[in-house]
Amino acid sequence: MTSIWKLAVLQLCGFGACMAAESPIYALTETDGSVILSTVPADDRYALLVGEKPAPVQATVAATGIAVRRTRYNGLIDSVASQYGLQSELLHAVIAVESGYDPYARSRKGAGGLMQLMPGTAKRYGVTDALDPEQNIHGGARYLRDLMRLFNGDLSLVLAAYNAGENAVRRNRNRIPQYRETVEYVPKVLTHYRRNLGRQPGRTVR
């Protein structure tokens, strides 16, 4: 981040408060140019803006928190994945990238919950409360199932459509739309997915 950004943030929160704060401040620039500030980056799209990166022990604590939240939803994710003919490893990968297993996560664009369902998608799949983990995972899984059918199981296109919408992929002649967020999103989820497969004995990582 540039010094201009840093100055803007310092002015926003007050020079004294920011300088005295123990937590660093991270920034994420959305595709529409809006900026999200956070002291707890949800993923590696966030860049350090003010302060110092956490010590390794702090990073380990953060990772442990995500692991604990993941364990909390293992049973539900396994059940939903089986119901819709999906791999639980895929659902875990999407959830890890979308929300870091935070059921109350919300984006500036209006997406909410573990699988970050947009209001239109939630309504389409009968989700009345996107922040309810069970409803959210069912809705997200049904959407992934339908995208798998639509794009003949091409996982890269499925994930691109989950992020940018199926119409964006279709308009791009069934190729990944060159939106910065989508281009970064697809390999990130695939990395998590392959890592999840690698944890399972006897599973083949493609």
C-alpha atoms as a PDB file:
ATOM      1  CA  MET A   1       0.000   0.000   0.000  1.00  0.00           C
ATOM      2  CA  THR A   2       1.129   3.524  -0.703  1.00  0.00           C
ATOM      3  CA  SER A   3       1.961   6.126   1.886  1.00  0.00           C
ATOM      4  CA  ILE A   4      -1.111   8.064   0.683  1.00  0.00           C
ATOM      5  CA  TRP A   5      -3.331   5.164   1.742  1.00  0.00           C
ATOM      6  CA  LYS A   6      -1.581   4.957   5.090  1.00  0.00           C
ATOM      7  CA  LEU A   7      -2.050   8.658   5.666  1.00  0.00           C
ATOM      8  CA  ALA A   8      -5.750   8.377   4.795  1.00  0.00           C
ATOM      9  CA  VAL A   9      -6.239   5.561   7.280  1.00  0.00           C
ATOM     10  CA  LEU A  10      -4.358   7.389  10.008  1.00  0.00           C
ATOM     11  CA  GLN A  11      -6.537  10.427   9.443  1.00  0.00           C
ATOM     12  CA  LEU A  12      -9.661   8.264   9.468  1.00  0.00           C
ATOM     13  CA  CYS A  13      -9.013   6.549  12.783  1.00  0.00           C
ATOM     14  CA  GLY A  14      -6.951   9.270  14.433  1.00  0.00           C
ATOM     15  CA  PHE A  15      -3.166   9.374  14.513  1.00  0.00           C
ATOM     16  CA  GLY A  16      -2.937   8.558  18.219  1.00  0.00           C
ATOM     17  CA  ALA A  17      -5.380   5.662  18.147  1.00  0.00           C
ATOM     18  CA  CYS A  18      -3.757   3.955  15.167  1.00  0.00           C
ATOM     19  CA  MET A  19      -0.223   4.422  16.388  1.00  0.00           C
ATOM     20  CA  ALA A  20      -1.144   3.114  19.819  1.00  0.00           C
ATOM     21  CA  ALA A  21      -3.150   0.149  18.556  1.00  0.00           C
ATOM     22  CA  GLU A  22      -1.505  -3.227  19.005  1.00  0.00           C
ATOM     23  CA  SER A  23      -3.272  -4.831  16.036  1.00  0.00           C
ATOM     24  CA  PRO A  24      -2.084  -4.141  12.497  1.00  0.00           C
ATOM     25  CA  ILE A  25      -4.588  -2.860   9.937  1.00  0.00           C
ATOM     26  CA  TYR A  26      -5.113  -4.696   6.655  1.00  0.00           C
ATOM     27  CA  ALA A  27      -6.867  -3.492   3.499  1.00  0.00           C
ATOM     28  CA  LEU A  28      -8.695  -5.297   0.703  1.00  0.00           C
ATOM     29  CA  THR A  29      -9.550  -3.446  -2.505  1.00  0.00           C
ATOM     30  CA  GLU A  30     -12.714  -4.837  -4.111  1.00  0.00           C
ATOM     31  CA  THR A  31     -13.224  -5.038  -7.871  1.00  0.00           C
ATOM     32  CA  ASP A  32     -15.483  -1.972  -7.713  1.00  0.00           C
ATOM     33  CA  GLY A  33     -12.713   0.054  -6.101  1.00  0.00           C
ATOM     34  CA  SER A  34     -14.142   0.026  -2.581  1.00  0.00           C
ATOM     35  CA  VAL A  35     -11.749  -0.716   0.268  1.00  0.00           C
ATOM     36  CA  ILE A  36     -12.372  -2.954   3.283  1.00  0.00           C
ATOM     37  CA  LEU A  37     -10.269  -2.355   6.395  1.00  0.00           C
ATOM     38  CA  SER A  38      -9.791  -5.078   8.982  1.00  0.00           C
ATOM     39  CA  THR A  39      -7.554  -5.980  11.908  1.00  0.00           C
ATOM     40  CA  VAL A  40      -8.187  -9.679  11.167  1.00  0.00           C
ATOM     41  CA  PRO A  41      -7.650 -10.515   7.472  1.00  0.00           C
ATOM     42  CA  ALA A  42     -10.011 -13.252   6.298  1.00  0.00           C
ATOM     43  CA  ASP A  43      -7.598 -14.473   3.607  1.00  0.00           C
ATOM     44  CA  ASP A  44      -4.411 -13.561   1.756  1.00  0.00           C
ATOM     45  CA  ARG A  45      -6.137 -10.990  -0.475  1.00  0.00           C
ATOM     46  CA  TYR A  46      -5.688  -8.514   2.380  1.00  0.00           C
ATOM     47  CA  ALA A  47      -2.482  -6.452   2.343  1.00  0.00           C
ATOM     48  CA  LEU A  48      -0.818  -5.035   5.443  1.00  0.00           C
ATOM     49  CA  LEU A  49      -1.564  -1.318   5.591  1.00  0.00           C
ATOM     50  CA  VAL A  50      -0.510  -0.073   9.020  1.00  0.00           C
ATOM     51  CA  GLY A  51       1.547  -1.762  11.748  1.00  0.00           C
ATOM     52  CA  GLU A  52       3.543  -4.968  11.840  1.00  0.00           C
ATOM     53  CA  LYS A  53       2.526  -8.472  10.848  1.00  0.00           C
ATOM     54  CA  PRO A  54       1.632 -10.763  13.754  1.00  0.00           C
ATOM     55  CA  ALA A  55       4.352 -12.901  15.251  1.00  0.00           C
ATOM     56  CA  PRO A  56       4.316 -16.578  14.173  1.00  0.00           C
ATOM     57  CA  VAL A  57       2.629 -17.606  17.412  1.00  0.00           C
ATOM     58  CA  GLN A  58      -0.245 -15.189  16.735  1.00  0.00           C
ATOM     59  CA  ALA A  59      -0.641 -16.523  13.215  1.00  0.00           C
ATOM     60  CA  THR A  60      -0.746 -20.039  14.645  1.00  0.00           C
ATOM     61  CA  VAL A  61      -3.497 -19.023  17.048  1.00  0.00           C
ATOM     62  CA  ALA A  62      -5.523 -17.564  14.153  1.00  0.00           C
ATOM     63  CA  ALA A  63      -5.078 -20.746  12.112  1.00  0.00           C
ATOM     64  CA  THR A  64      -6.115 -22.806  15.119  1.00  0.00           C
ATOM     65  CA  GLY A  65      -9.303 -20.741  15.413  1.00  0.00           C
ATOM     66  CA  ILE A  66     -10.217 -21.536  11.820  1.00  0.00           C
ATOM     67  CA  ALA A  67      -9.460 -25.219  12.410  1.00  0.00           C
ATOM     68  CA  VAL A  68     -11.776 -25.240  15.419  1.00  0.00           C
ATOM     69  CA  ARG A  69     -14.583 -23.606  13.425  1.00  0.00           C
ATOM     70  CA  ARG A  70     -14.014 -26.098  10.612  1.00  0.00           C
ATOM     71  CA  THR A  71     -14.417 -29.025  13.002  1.00  0.00           C
ATOM     72  CA  ARG A  72     -17.688 -27.552  14.250  1.00  0.00           C
ATOM     73  CA  TYR A  73     -19.250 -27.934  10.781  1.00  0.00           C
ATOM     74  CA  ASN A  74     -17.684 -31.234   9.674  1.00  0.00           C
ATOM     75  CA  GLY A  75     -20.792 -33.340  10.306  1.00  0.00           C
ATOM     76  CA  LEU A  76     -23.160 -30.896   8.621  1.00  0.00           C
ATOM     77  CA  ILE A  77     -20.890 -30.472   5.602  1.00  0.00           C
ATOM     78  CA  ASP A  78     -20.476 -34.233   5.175  1.00  0.00           C
ATOM     79  CA  SER A  79     -24.251 -34.724   5.333  1.00  0.00           C
ATOM     80  CA  VAL A  80     -25.052 -31.935   2.861  1.00  0.00           C
ATOM     81  CA  ALA A  81     -22.315 -32.993   0.443  1.00  0.00           C
ATOM     82  CA  SER A  82     -23.671 -36.550   0.402  1.00  0.00           C
ATOM     83  CA  GLN A  83     -27.222 -35.312  -0.138  1.00  0.00           C
ATOM     84  CA  TYR A  84     -26.284 -33.331  -3.247  1.00  0.00           C
ATOM     85  CA  GLY A  85     -23.667 -35.673  -4.686  1.00  0.00           C
ATOM     86  CA  LEU A  86     -20.727 -33.385  -3.950  1.00  0.00           C
ATOM     87  CA  GLN A  87     -17.406 -33.929  -2.259  1.00  0.00           C
ATOM     88  CA  SER A  88     -17.214 -32.546   1.253  1.00  0.00           C
ATOM     89  CA  GLU A  89     -13.654 -31.468   0.415  1.00  0.00           C
ATOM     90  CA  LEU A  90     -15.061 -29.097  -2.185  1.00  0.00           C
ATOM     91  CA  LEU A  91     -17.571 -27.571   0.214  1.00  0.00           C
ATOM     92  CA  HIS A  92     -14.832 -27.110   2.790  1.00  0.00           C
ATOM     93  CA  ALA A  93     -12.633 -25.405   0.190  1.00  0.00           C
ATOM     94  CA  VAL A  94     -15.355 -22.962  -0.833  1.00  0.00           C
ATOM     95  CA  ILE A  95     -16.276 -22.164   2.766  1.00  0.00           C
ATOM     96  CA  ALA A  96     -12.632 -21.676   3.784  1.00  0.00           C
ATOM     97  CA  VAL A  97     -12.079 -19.111   1.046  1.00  0.00           C
ATOM     98  CA  GLU A  98     -15.491 -17.458   1.198  1.00  0.00           C
ATOM     99  CA  SER A  99     -15.826 -16.918   4.943  1.00  0.00           C
ATOM    100  CA  GLY A 100     -13.063 -18.666   6.891  1.00  0.00           C
ATOM    101  CA  TYR A 101     -15.889 -20.662   8.542  1.00  0.00           C
ATOM    102  CA  ASP A 102     -17.437 -17.497   9.995  1.00  0.00           C
ATOM    103  CA  PRO A 103     -21.249 -18.012   9.829  1.00  0.00           C
ATOM    104  CA  TYR A 104     -21.828 -14.276  10.325  1.00  0.00           C
ATOM    105  CA  ALA A 105     -19.489 -13.096   7.563  1.00  0.00           C
ATOM    106  CA  ARG A 106     -20.904 -10.424   5.263  1.00  0.00           C
ATOM    107  CA  SER A 107     -19.427  -8.781   2.189  1.00  0.00           C
ATOM    108  CA  ARG A 108     -19.867  -5.200   1.064  1.00  0.00           C
ATOM    109  CA  LYS A 109     -21.773  -6.552  -1.946  1.00  0.00           C
ATOM    110  CA  GLY A 110     -24.399  -8.159   0.285  1.00  0.00           C
ATOM    111  CA  ALA A 111     -23.243 -11.779   0.334  1.00  0.00           C
ATOM    112  CA  GLY A 112     -23.628 -13.492   3.681  1.00  0.00           C
ATOM    113  CA  GLY A 113     -22.896 -16.583   5.719  1.00  0.00           C
ATOM    114  CA  LEU A 114     -20.499 -19.493   5.457  1.00  0.00           C
ATOM    115  CA  MET A 115     -20.778 -19.820   1.676  1.00  0.00           C
ATOM    116  CA  GLN A 116     -21.368 -16.095   1.098  1.00  0.00           C
ATOM    117  CA  LEU A 117     -24.700 -16.363  -0.680  1.00  0.00           C
ATOM    118  CA  MET A 118     -25.871 -13.297  -2.548  1.00  0.00           C
ATOM    119  CA  PRO A 119     -29.492 -12.330  -1.756  1.00  0.00           C
ATOM    120  CA  GLY A 120     -30.662 -13.414  -5.206  1.00  0.00           C
ATOM    121  CA  THR A 121     -28.992 -16.800  -4.913  1.00  0.00           C
ATOM    122  CA  ALA A 122     -30.358 -17.293  -1.402  1.00  0.00           C
ATOM    123  CA  LYS A 123     -33.892 -16.552  -2.594  1.00  0.00           C
ATOM    124  CA  ARG A 124     -33.447 -18.817  -5.609  1.00  0.00           C
ATOM    125  CA  TYR A 125     -32.663 -21.768  -3.346  1.00  0.00           C
ATOM    126  CA  GLY A 126     -35.175 -21.042  -0.625  1.00  0.00           C
ATOM    127  CA  VAL A 127     -32.704 -19.736   1.952  1.00  0.00           C
ATOM    128  CA  THR A 128     -34.624 -17.397   4.248  1.00  0.00           C
ATOM    129  CA  ASP A 129     -31.738 -16.765   6.653  1.00  0.00           C
ATOM    130  CA  ALA A 130     -28.309 -16.715   5.003  1.00  0.00           C
ATOM    131  CA  LEU A 131     -26.632 -16.505   8.408  1.00  0.00           C
ATOM    132  CA  ASP A 132     -28.112 -19.834   9.501  1.00  0.00           C
ATOM    133  CA  PRO A 133     -25.300 -22.348   8.835  1.00  0.00           C
ATOM    134  CA  GLU A 134     -27.563 -25.224   7.827  1.00  0.00           C
ATOM    135  CA  GLN A 135     -29.654 -23.161   5.415  1.00  0.00           C
ATOM    136  CA  ASN A 136     -26.574 -21.462   4.014  1.00  0.00           C
ATOM    137  CA  ILE A 137     -24.649 -24.662   3.334  1.00  0.00           C
ATOM    138  CA  HIS A 138     -27.702 -26.315   1.766  1.00  0.00           C
ATOM    139  CA  GLY A 139     -28.216 -23.308  -0.508  1.00  0.00           C
ATOM    140  CA  GLY A 140     -24.565 -23.070  -1.498  1.00  0.00           C
ATOM    141  CA  ALA A 141     -24.320 -26.806  -2.115  1.00  0.00           C
ATOM    142  CA  ARG A 142     -27.416 -26.830  -4.320  1.00  0.00           C
ATOM    143  CA  TYR A 143     -25.966 -23.966  -6.317  1.00  0.00           C
ATOM    144  CA  LEU A 144     -22.661 -25.807  -6.747  1.00  0.00           C
ATOM    145  CA  ARG A 145     -24.535 -28.962  -7.783  1.00  0.00           C
ATOM    146  CA  ASP A 146     -26.446 -27.050 -10.455  1.00  0.00           C
ATOM    147  CA  LEU A 147     -23.255 -25.377 -11.683  1.00  0.00           C
ATOM    148  CA  MET A 148     -21.552 -28.771 -11.906  1.00  0.00           C
ATOM    149  CA  ARG A 149     -24.368 -29.930 -14.171  1.00  0.00           C
ATOM    150  CA  LEU A 150     -24.339 -26.726 -16.200  1.00  0.00           C
ATOM    151  CA  PHE A 151     -20.593 -26.802 -16.858  1.00  0.00           C
ATOM    152  CA  ASN A 152     -20.237 -30.585 -17.182  1.00  0.00           C
ATOM    153  CA  GLY A 153     -18.153 -30.959 -14.042  1.00  0.00           C
ATOM    154  CA  ASP A 154     -15.446 -28.503 -15.130  1.00  0.00           C
ATOM    155  CA  LEU A 155     -14.465 -27.391 -11.643  1.00  0.00           C
ATOM    156  CA  SER A 156     -12.614 -24.258 -12.741  1.00  0.00           C
ATOM    157  CA  LEU A 157     -15.712 -22.998 -14.560  1.00  0.00           C
ATOM    158  CA  VAL A 158     -17.962 -24.056 -11.687  1.00  0.00           C
ATOM    159  CA  LEU A 159     -15.924 -22.018  -9.215  1.00  0.00           C
ATOM    160  CA  ALA A 160     -15.699 -19.074 -11.604  1.00  0.00           C
ATOM    161  CA  ALA A 161     -19.488 -19.139 -11.936  1.00  0.00           C
ATOM    162  CA  TYR A 162     -19.936 -19.423  -8.172  1.00  0.00           C
ATOM    163  CA  ASN A 163     -17.853 -16.269  -7.768  1.00  0.00           C
ATOM    164  CA  ALA A 164     -18.913 -14.198 -10.770  1.00  0.00           C
ATOM    165  CA  GLY A 165     -22.235 -15.787 -11.755  1.00  0.00           C
ATOM    166  CA  GLU A 166     -22.987 -18.357 -14.426  1.00  0.00           C
ATOM    167  CA  ASN A 167     -24.023 -15.696 -16.941  1.00  0.00           C
ATOM    168  CA  ALA A 168     -20.596 -14.079 -16.726  1.00  0.00           C
ATOM    169  CA  VAL A 169     -18.975 -17.409 -17.611  1.00  0.00           C
ATOM    170  CA  ARG A 170     -21.414 -17.988 -20.464  1.00  0.00           C
ATOM    171  CA  ARG A 171     -20.817 -14.496 -21.852  1.00  0.00           C
ATOM    172  CA  ASN A 172     -17.111 -15.300 -21.851  1.00  0.00           C
ATOM    173  CA  ARG A 173     -17.740 -18.380 -24.005  1.00  0.00           C
ATOM    174  CA  ASN A 174     -17.420 -20.811 -21.119  1.00  0.00           C
ATOM    175  CA  ARG A 175     -14.072 -19.479 -20.005  1.00  0.00           C
ATOM    176  CA  ILE A 176     -13.089 -17.883 -16.704  1.00  0.00           C
ATOM    177  CA  PRO A 177     -14.082 -14.195 -16.818  1.00  0.00           C
ATOM    178  CA  GLN A 178     -11.044 -11.967 -16.482  1.00  0.00           C
ATOM    179  CA  TYR A 179     -12.251 -10.231 -13.359  1.00  0.00           C
ATOM    180  CA  ARG A 180      -9.377  -9.833 -10.924  1.00  0.00           C
ATOM    181  CA  GLU A 181     -11.360 -11.280  -8.029  1.00  0.00           C
ATOM    182  CA  THR A 182     -12.475 -14.314 -10.041  1.00  0.00           C
ATOM    183  CA  VAL A 183      -9.048 -14.978 -11.542  1.00  0.00           C
ATOM    184  CA  GLU A 184      -7.603 -15.052  -8.017  1.00  0.00           C
ATOM    185  CA  TYR A 185     -10.547 -16.901  -6.488  1.00  0.00           C
ATOM    186  CA  VAL A 186     -10.525 -20.017  -8.684  1.00  0.00           C
ATOM    187  CA  PRO A 187      -6.936 -21.180  -8.012  1.00  0.00           C
ATOM    188  CA  LYS A 188      -7.282 -20.292  -4.338  1.00  0.00           C
ATOM    189  CA  VAL A 189     -10.290 -22.603  -3.893  1.00  0.00           C
ATOM    190  CA  LEU A 190      -8.652 -25.312  -6.002  1.00  0.00           C
ATOM    191  CA  THR A 191      -5.576 -25.162  -3.772  1.00  0.00           C
ATOM    192  CA  HIS A 192      -7.724 -25.684  -0.677  1.00  0.00           C
ATOM    193  CA  TYR A 193      -9.653 -28.459  -2.423  1.00  0.00           C
ATOM    194  CA  ARG A 194      -6.540 -30.383  -3.428  1.00  0.00           C
ATOM    195  CA  ARG A 195      -5.086 -29.918   0.028  1.00  0.00           C
ATOM    196  CA  ASN A 196      -8.294 -31.309   1.515  1.00  0.00           C
ATOM    197  CA  LEU A 197      -8.154 -34.327  -0.785  1.00  0.00           C
ATOM    198  CA  GLY A 198      -4.566 -34.901   0.248  1.00  0.00           C
ATOM    199  CA  ARG A 199      -5.678 -35.249   3.867  1.00  0.00           C
ATOM    200  CA  GLN A 200      -7.850 -38.228   3.009  1.00  0.00           C
ATOM    201  CA  PRO A 201      -6.069 -41.630   2.861  1.00  0.00           C
ATOM    202  CA  GLY A 202      -6.413 -43.242  -0.529  1.00  0.00           C
ATOM    203  CA  ARG A 203      -7.801 -40.123  -2.236  1.00  0.00           C
ATOM    204  CA  THR A 204      -6.273 -39.028  -5.528  1.00  0.00           C
ATOM    205  CA  VAL A 205      -5.332 -35.391  -5.918  1.00  0.00           C
ATOM    206  CA  ARG A 206      -5.997 -34.179  -9.424  1.00  0.00           C
END
